[in-house]
């Protein structure tokens, strides 16, 4: 019997607060998830979960098991990662987590190229707009921007992305285009839940920083929903320029206060421990940085084409 597997299912069930969501995350059916919980309860001789129509919560023994299981699983996953790092070969299963937009636009194409170059490397990429604990969830590498949250792994900044304030031309025609940072308060700001403004957004012009007042009108944790809200002329938002390049170029979106630079978005690589970092991490991160630099150069060239040579 896979006792670690049963403990992992139990921990995921409590993390998700639902057997159905836990089953989806594990890639099994809800009856199979329920059976695993019952097997663990039978093995330990205690009822571990209170089940209700609103989800699951731990019993008193369940809370004890949950706390101990977190340590056991973290230790096992860290040990596995460090054992994998001992080999010089670029092979085996390599689990990567990143956000939806970053994965679709930037990291996904990179991993396809890496997979072609290293056929013995089995890459498993998960797109998820939530903070992932790389140790507890057995993830080899997470690429994250902005907030890292609580995490048992090691993290380092690997890059940063230029961001822009953007809206539709229709919205700006209706509300009026701000000319200076102070005028942003007339517009409705649509923010990602990780990017809490505190009532201001930082803008820089010629080395001088301005704290522009913002009026938050909508907050969401789904980037697609934020883009949809902007597209529906609800307000404006902030996002990395690389994500919006085509939409800015073809006129679907318009940059707000284009001479001012909003704060950059920091990009982090997160892995189980500094000892687990191996050649697979190095290859993926190096390839990612090469692609980001190529996209940055192409973006600058598009916005500032060289002057035509006169005959």
Protein backbone atom coordinates (compact mmCIF):
# COMPACT_ATOMS: atom_id res chain seq x y z
CA UNK A 1 0.00 0.00 0.00
CA UNK A 2 1.36 3.45 -1.01
CA UNK A 3 1.14 5.19 2.35
CA UNK A 4 2.81 8.36 1.11
CA UNK A 5 0.32 8.50 -1.75
CA UNK A 6 -2.60 8.21 0.69
CA UNK A 7 -1.14 10.97 2.86
CA UNK A 8 -0.66 13.18 -0.20
CA UNK A 9 -4.29 12.71 -1.24
CA UNK A 10 -5.41 13.57 2.29
CA UNK A 11 -3.30 16.75 2.39
CA UNK A 12 -4.57 17.85 -1.04
CA UNK A 13 -8.18 17.22 0.04
CA UNK A 14 -7.76 19.59 2.98
CA UNK A 15 -5.82 22.14 0.94
CA UNK A 16 -8.63 22.22 -1.62
CA UNK A 17 -11.44 21.87 0.93
CA UNK A 18 -13.24 19.54 -1.47
CA UNK A 19 -12.85 15.90 -2.47
CA UNK A 20 -13.99 16.75 -5.99
CA UNK A 21 -11.36 19.46 -6.51
CA UNK A 22 -8.73 17.25 -4.87
CA UNK A 23 -9.59 14.43 -7.27
CA UNK A 24 -9.24 16.79 -10.24
CA UNK A 25 -5.83 17.91 -9.01
CA UNK A 26 -4.72 14.29 -8.56
CA UNK A 27 -6.13 13.27 -11.94
CA UNK A 28 -8.47 10.62 -10.50
CA UNK A 29 -12.22 10.26 -9.98
CA UNK A 30 -13.98 11.49 -6.84
CA UNK A 31 -14.96 7.92 -5.80
CA UNK A 32 -11.29 6.92 -6.09
CA UNK A 33 -10.31 9.89 -3.94
CA UNK A 34 -12.96 8.99 -1.33
CA UNK A 35 -11.66 5.41 -1.31
CA UNK A 36 -8.11 6.60 -0.65
CA UNK A 37 -9.27 8.69 2.32
CA UNK A 38 -11.18 5.71 3.73
CA UNK A 39 -8.10 3.50 3.28
CA UNK A 40 -6.00 6.00 5.23
CA UNK A 41 -8.64 6.24 7.97
CA UNK A 42 -8.69 2.43 8.20
CA UNK A 43 -4.90 2.28 8.30
CA UNK A 44 -4.65 4.86 11.11
CA UNK A 45 -7.80 3.80 12.96
CA UNK A 46 -9.33 7.29 13.12
CA UNK A 47 -11.92 9.32 11.23
CA UNK A 48 -9.90 12.11 9.64
CA UNK A 49 -12.45 14.24 7.80
CA UNK A 50 -15.79 15.89 8.51
CA UNK A 51 -17.72 15.67 5.24
CA UNK A 52 -20.56 18.07 4.39
CA UNK A 53 -22.31 19.60 1.40
CA UNK A 54 -19.92 22.55 1.59
CA UNK A 55 -16.73 20.46 1.55
CA UNK A 56 -14.37 18.74 3.98
CA UNK A 57 -12.70 19.81 7.21
CA UNK A 58 -10.28 17.92 9.48
CA UNK A 59 -11.32 16.16 12.64
CA UNK A 60 -9.00 16.57 15.63
CA UNK A 61 -6.98 13.45 14.64
CA UNK A 62 -7.17 14.67 11.05
CA UNK A 63 -5.50 17.96 11.96
CA UNK A 64 -2.67 16.06 13.65
CA UNK A 65 -2.21 13.80 10.61
CA UNK A 66 -2.34 16.82 8.27
CA UNK A 67 0.44 18.62 10.15
CA UNK A 68 2.68 15.55 10.31
CA UNK A 69 1.97 14.58 6.70
CA UNK A 70 3.10 17.97 5.43
CA UNK A 71 6.53 17.45 6.98
CA UNK A 72 6.82 13.87 5.71
CA UNK A 73 5.86 14.79 2.15
CA UNK A 74 8.08 17.86 2.07
CA UNK A 75 11.06 15.82 3.27
CA UNK A 76 10.42 13.06 0.74
CA UNK A 77 10.00 15.46 -2.18
CA UNK A 78 13.12 17.41 -1.23
CA UNK A 79 15.08 14.15 -0.95
CA UNK A 80 13.85 13.03 -4.39
CA UNK A 81 14.77 16.36 -5.95
CA UNK A 82 18.28 16.29 -4.48
CA UNK A 83 18.81 12.69 -5.61
CA UNK A 84 17.80 13.69 -9.14
CA UNK A 85 20.33 16.53 -9.04
CA UNK A 86 23.16 14.03 -8.52
CA UNK A 87 22.94 12.82 -12.10
CA UNK A 88 24.59 14.71 -14.97
CA UNK A 89 22.08 13.51 -17.58
CA UNK A 90 19.29 15.74 -18.84
CA UNK A 91 16.54 13.15 -18.62
CA UNK A 92 13.67 11.90 -16.52
CA UNK A 93 10.41 13.57 -15.53
CA UNK A 94 10.67 17.32 -14.96
CA UNK A 95 7.57 19.02 -13.52
CA UNK A 96 7.16 22.73 -14.20
CA UNK A 97 4.46 25.10 -12.94
CA UNK A 98 3.73 28.60 -14.19
CA UNK A 99 0.87 31.03 -14.72
CA UNK A 100 -1.55 30.72 -17.64
CA UNK A 101 -0.45 33.75 -19.65
CA UNK A 102 3.27 33.26 -19.07
CA UNK A 103 2.99 29.59 -19.99
CA UNK A 104 1.03 30.14 -23.18
CA UNK A 105 2.98 33.08 -24.53
CA UNK A 106 6.55 32.59 -23.32
CA UNK A 107 7.42 29.42 -21.43
CA UNK A 108 5.36 26.92 -23.46
CA UNK A 109 7.24 27.50 -26.75
CA UNK A 110 10.55 27.34 -24.84
CA UNK A 111 9.70 23.94 -23.36
CA UNK A 112 8.73 22.57 -26.77
CA UNK A 113 12.17 23.50 -28.07
CA UNK A 114 13.89 22.04 -24.99
CA UNK A 115 11.89 18.84 -25.39
CA UNK A 116 13.08 18.50 -29.00
CA UNK A 117 16.70 19.12 -28.02
CA UNK A 118 16.58 16.62 -25.12
CA UNK A 119 14.26 13.73 -26.11
CA UNK A 120 14.97 11.81 -22.89
CA UNK A 121 13.52 14.67 -20.83
CA UNK A 122 9.84 14.16 -19.99
CA UNK A 123 8.48 17.66 -19.34
CA UNK A 124 5.20 18.00 -17.46
CA UNK A 125 3.97 21.62 -17.57
CA UNK A 126 1.07 22.81 -15.44
CA UNK A 127 -0.63 26.15 -16.04
CA UNK A 128 -2.16 27.37 -12.78
CA UNK A 129 -2.86 30.88 -11.57
CA UNK A 130 -2.17 30.15 -7.92
CA UNK A 131 0.88 30.05 -5.70
CA UNK A 132 2.35 26.55 -5.77
CA UNK A 133 4.46 25.06 -2.97
CA UNK A 134 7.15 23.30 -5.00
CA UNK A 135 8.17 21.02 -2.11
CA UNK A 136 4.76 19.87 -0.94
CA UNK A 137 3.39 19.50 -4.47
CA UNK A 138 6.45 17.76 -5.92
CA UNK A 139 7.21 20.43 -8.53
CA UNK A 140 10.77 20.62 -9.86
CA UNK A 141 10.56 24.22 -11.05
CA UNK A 142 8.01 27.02 -10.78
CA UNK A 143 8.35 30.21 -12.80
CA UNK A 144 6.50 32.98 -10.98
CA UNK A 145 6.06 36.72 -11.34
CA UNK A 146 5.28 39.19 -8.59
CA UNK A 147 4.30 37.63 -5.27
CA UNK A 148 6.00 34.39 -4.17
CA UNK A 149 3.91 33.71 -1.06
CA UNK A 150 4.86 31.16 1.61
CA UNK A 151 7.03 28.47 0.09
CA UNK A 152 9.39 25.81 1.47
CA UNK A 153 11.61 25.96 -1.61
CA UNK A 154 14.49 28.13 -2.78
CA UNK A 155 13.84 31.13 -5.02
CA UNK A 156 15.92 33.56 -7.04
CA UNK A 157 15.07 36.43 -9.37
CA UNK A 158 16.00 35.59 -12.95
CA UNK A 159 14.49 38.46 -14.97
CA UNK A 160 12.04 41.31 -15.05
CA UNK A 161 9.41 42.36 -17.57
CA UNK A 162 8.41 45.86 -18.64
CA UNK A 163 4.74 46.55 -17.85
CA UNK A 164 2.23 48.95 -19.38
CA UNK A 165 -1.07 50.51 -18.42
CA UNK A 166 -3.63 49.73 -21.11
CA UNK A 167 -7.29 50.10 -22.07
CA UNK A 168 -9.42 50.12 -25.20
CA UNK A 169 -9.57 53.25 -27.33
CA UNK A 170 -13.35 53.18 -26.88
CA UNK A 171 -13.03 53.43 -23.10
CA UNK A 172 -10.48 56.22 -23.35
CA UNK A 173 -12.66 58.09 -25.84
CA UNK A 174 -15.51 57.94 -23.33
CA UNK A 175 -13.59 58.79 -20.14
CA UNK A 176 -10.81 60.94 -21.58
CA UNK A 177 -7.12 60.16 -21.91
CA UNK A 178 -5.05 61.13 -18.86
CA UNK A 179 -2.17 63.46 -19.63
CA UNK A 180 -0.43 63.29 -16.23
CA UNK A 181 -0.36 60.59 -13.49
CA UNK A 182 -2.77 62.53 -11.23
CA UNK A 183 -5.53 62.12 -13.83
CA UNK A 184 -5.51 58.31 -13.49
CA UNK A 185 -7.96 58.62 -10.58
CA UNK A 186 -10.71 59.41 -13.12
CA UNK A 187 -10.37 55.93 -14.61
CA UNK A 188 -11.42 52.58 -13.17
CA UNK A 189 -8.49 50.26 -12.43
CA UNK A 190 -8.91 46.50 -12.93
CA UNK A 191 -6.28 44.78 -10.78
CA UNK A 192 -4.94 41.28 -10.35
CA UNK A 193 -5.42 40.08 -6.78
CA UNK A 194 -1.64 39.77 -6.29
CA UNK A 195 -1.05 43.39 -7.32
CA UNK A 196 -2.71 45.26 -4.48
CA UNK A 197 -2.11 48.95 -5.15
CA UNK A 198 -2.77 50.52 -1.76
CA UNK A 199 -4.42 53.35 -3.66
CA UNK A 200 -1.39 54.25 -5.79
CA UNK A 201 0.62 52.92 -8.72
CA UNK A 202 4.27 53.85 -9.16
CA UNK A 203 5.25 55.52 -12.46
CA UNK A 204 8.68 56.79 -13.53
CA UNK A 205 9.59 59.52 -16.02
CA UNK A 206 13.18 60.65 -16.64
CA UNK A 207 14.32 59.06 -13.38
CA UNK A 208 11.61 60.77 -11.30
CA UNK A 209 9.08 58.51 -9.56
CA UNK A 210 5.43 59.52 -9.29
CA UNK A 211 2.80 57.91 -7.06
CA UNK A 212 -0.27 58.04 -9.27
CA UNK A 213 -3.64 57.73 -7.46
CA UNK A 214 -5.84 54.89 -8.69
CA UNK A 215 -9.51 54.09 -8.28
CA UNK A 216 -9.88 50.28 -8.06
CA UNK A 217 -13.13 49.16 -9.62
CA UNK A 218 -12.62 45.42 -10.05
CA UNK A 219 -10.24 42.74 -8.69
CA UNK A 220 -9.81 39.21 -10.03
CA UNK A 221 -7.35 36.32 -9.80
CA UNK A 222 -7.96 35.22 -13.40
CA UNK A 223 -5.85 37.04 -16.04
CA UNK A 224 -8.30 36.04 -18.77
CA UNK A 225 -11.13 37.69 -16.85
CA UNK A 226 -9.09 40.88 -16.44
CA UNK A 227 -8.38 40.99 -20.18
CA UNK A 228 -12.08 40.39 -20.87
CA UNK A 229 -13.05 43.22 -18.54
CA UNK A 230 -10.70 45.62 -20.33
CA UNK A 231 -11.93 44.40 -23.73
CA UNK A 232 -15.51 45.17 -22.61
CA UNK A 233 -14.45 48.80 -21.97
CA UNK A 234 -14.84 48.41 -18.17
CA UNK A 235 -11.58 50.14 -17.25
CA UNK A 236 -7.82 49.85 -17.56
CA UNK A 237 -5.23 47.39 -16.21
CA UNK A 238 -1.49 46.79 -15.92
CA UNK A 239 0.28 43.83 -17.54
CA UNK A 240 3.65 42.89 -19.04
CA UNK A 241 4.19 44.43 -22.46
CA UNK A 242 5.23 41.05 -23.91
CA UNK A 243 1.76 39.68 -23.16
CA UNK A 244 0.07 42.55 -24.99
CA UNK A 245 2.44 43.15 -27.89
CA UNK A 246 0.09 42.08 -30.68
CA UNK A 247 -3.01 43.70 -29.14
CA UNK A 248 -1.19 47.02 -28.72
CA UNK A 249 0.18 46.82 -32.24
CA UNK A 250 -3.14 46.07 -33.98
CA UNK A 251 -5.15 48.59 -31.94
CA UNK A 252 -7.20 46.29 -29.74
CA UNK A 253 -5.62 48.03 -26.74
CA UNK A 254 -4.06 51.45 -26.29
CA UNK A 255 -1.22 52.30 -23.95
CA UNK A 256 -2.03 54.85 -21.24
CA UNK A 257 0.56 57.50 -20.31
CA UNK A 258 3.06 55.92 -22.73
CA UNK A 259 5.92 58.21 -21.68
CA UNK A 260 5.70 57.00 -18.07
CA UNK A 261 7.09 53.62 -17.00
CA UNK A 262 5.10 51.53 -14.47
CA UNK A 263 6.98 49.18 -12.13
CA UNK A 264 8.56 46.16 -13.77
CA UNK A 265 7.28 42.67 -13.07
CA UNK A 266 9.91 40.51 -11.36
CA UNK A 267 10.32 36.92 -12.58
CA UNK A 268 11.44 34.23 -10.12
CA UNK A 269 12.59 30.64 -10.46
CA UNK A 270 11.48 28.50 -7.51
CA UNK A 271 12.73 24.96 -6.85
CA UNK A 272 12.63 22.54 -3.88
CA UNK A 273 16.10 23.42 -2.51
CA UNK A 274 19.41 24.85 -3.65
CA UNK A 275 20.77 21.28 -3.68
CA UNK A 276 18.07 20.13 -6.10
CA UNK A 277 19.17 22.58 -8.82
CA UNK A 278 20.61 20.54 -11.70
CA UNK A 279 21.34 20.73 -15.42
CA UNK A 280 17.66 20.42 -16.28
CA UNK A 281 16.91 23.61 -14.37
CA UNK A 282 19.89 25.29 -16.01
CA UNK A 283 18.80 24.33 -19.53
CA UNK A 284 15.18 25.45 -19.05
CA UNK A 285 16.01 28.75 -17.33
CA UNK A 286 18.78 29.59 -19.82
CA UNK A 287 16.45 28.87 -22.77
CA UNK A 288 13.72 30.94 -21.15
CA UNK A 289 15.99 33.93 -20.65
CA UNK A 290 17.19 33.69 -24.27
CA UNK A 291 13.60 33.78 -25.52
CA UNK A 292 12.63 36.68 -23.26
CA UNK A 293 15.60 38.70 -24.49
CA UNK A 294 14.72 37.94 -28.14
CA UNK A 295 11.12 39.04 -27.53
CA UNK A 296 12.30 42.20 -25.77
CA UNK A 297 14.61 43.14 -28.65
CA UNK A 298 11.87 42.44 -31.20
CA UNK A 299 9.43 44.58 -29.20
CA UNK A 300 11.85 47.52 -29.14
CA UNK A 301 12.52 47.16 -32.87
CA UNK A 302 8.80 47.17 -33.63
CA UNK A 303 8.16 50.30 -31.56
CA UNK A 304 11.30 52.11 -32.71
CA UNK A 305 12.11 50.97 -36.25
CA UNK A 306 15.40 52.20 -37.70
CA UNK A 307 15.14 55.24 -39.93
CA UNK A 308 14.81 54.41 -43.60
CA UNK A 309 17.99 54.89 -45.60
CA UNK A 310 17.39 57.55 -48.19
CA UNK A 311 18.67 56.81 -51.65
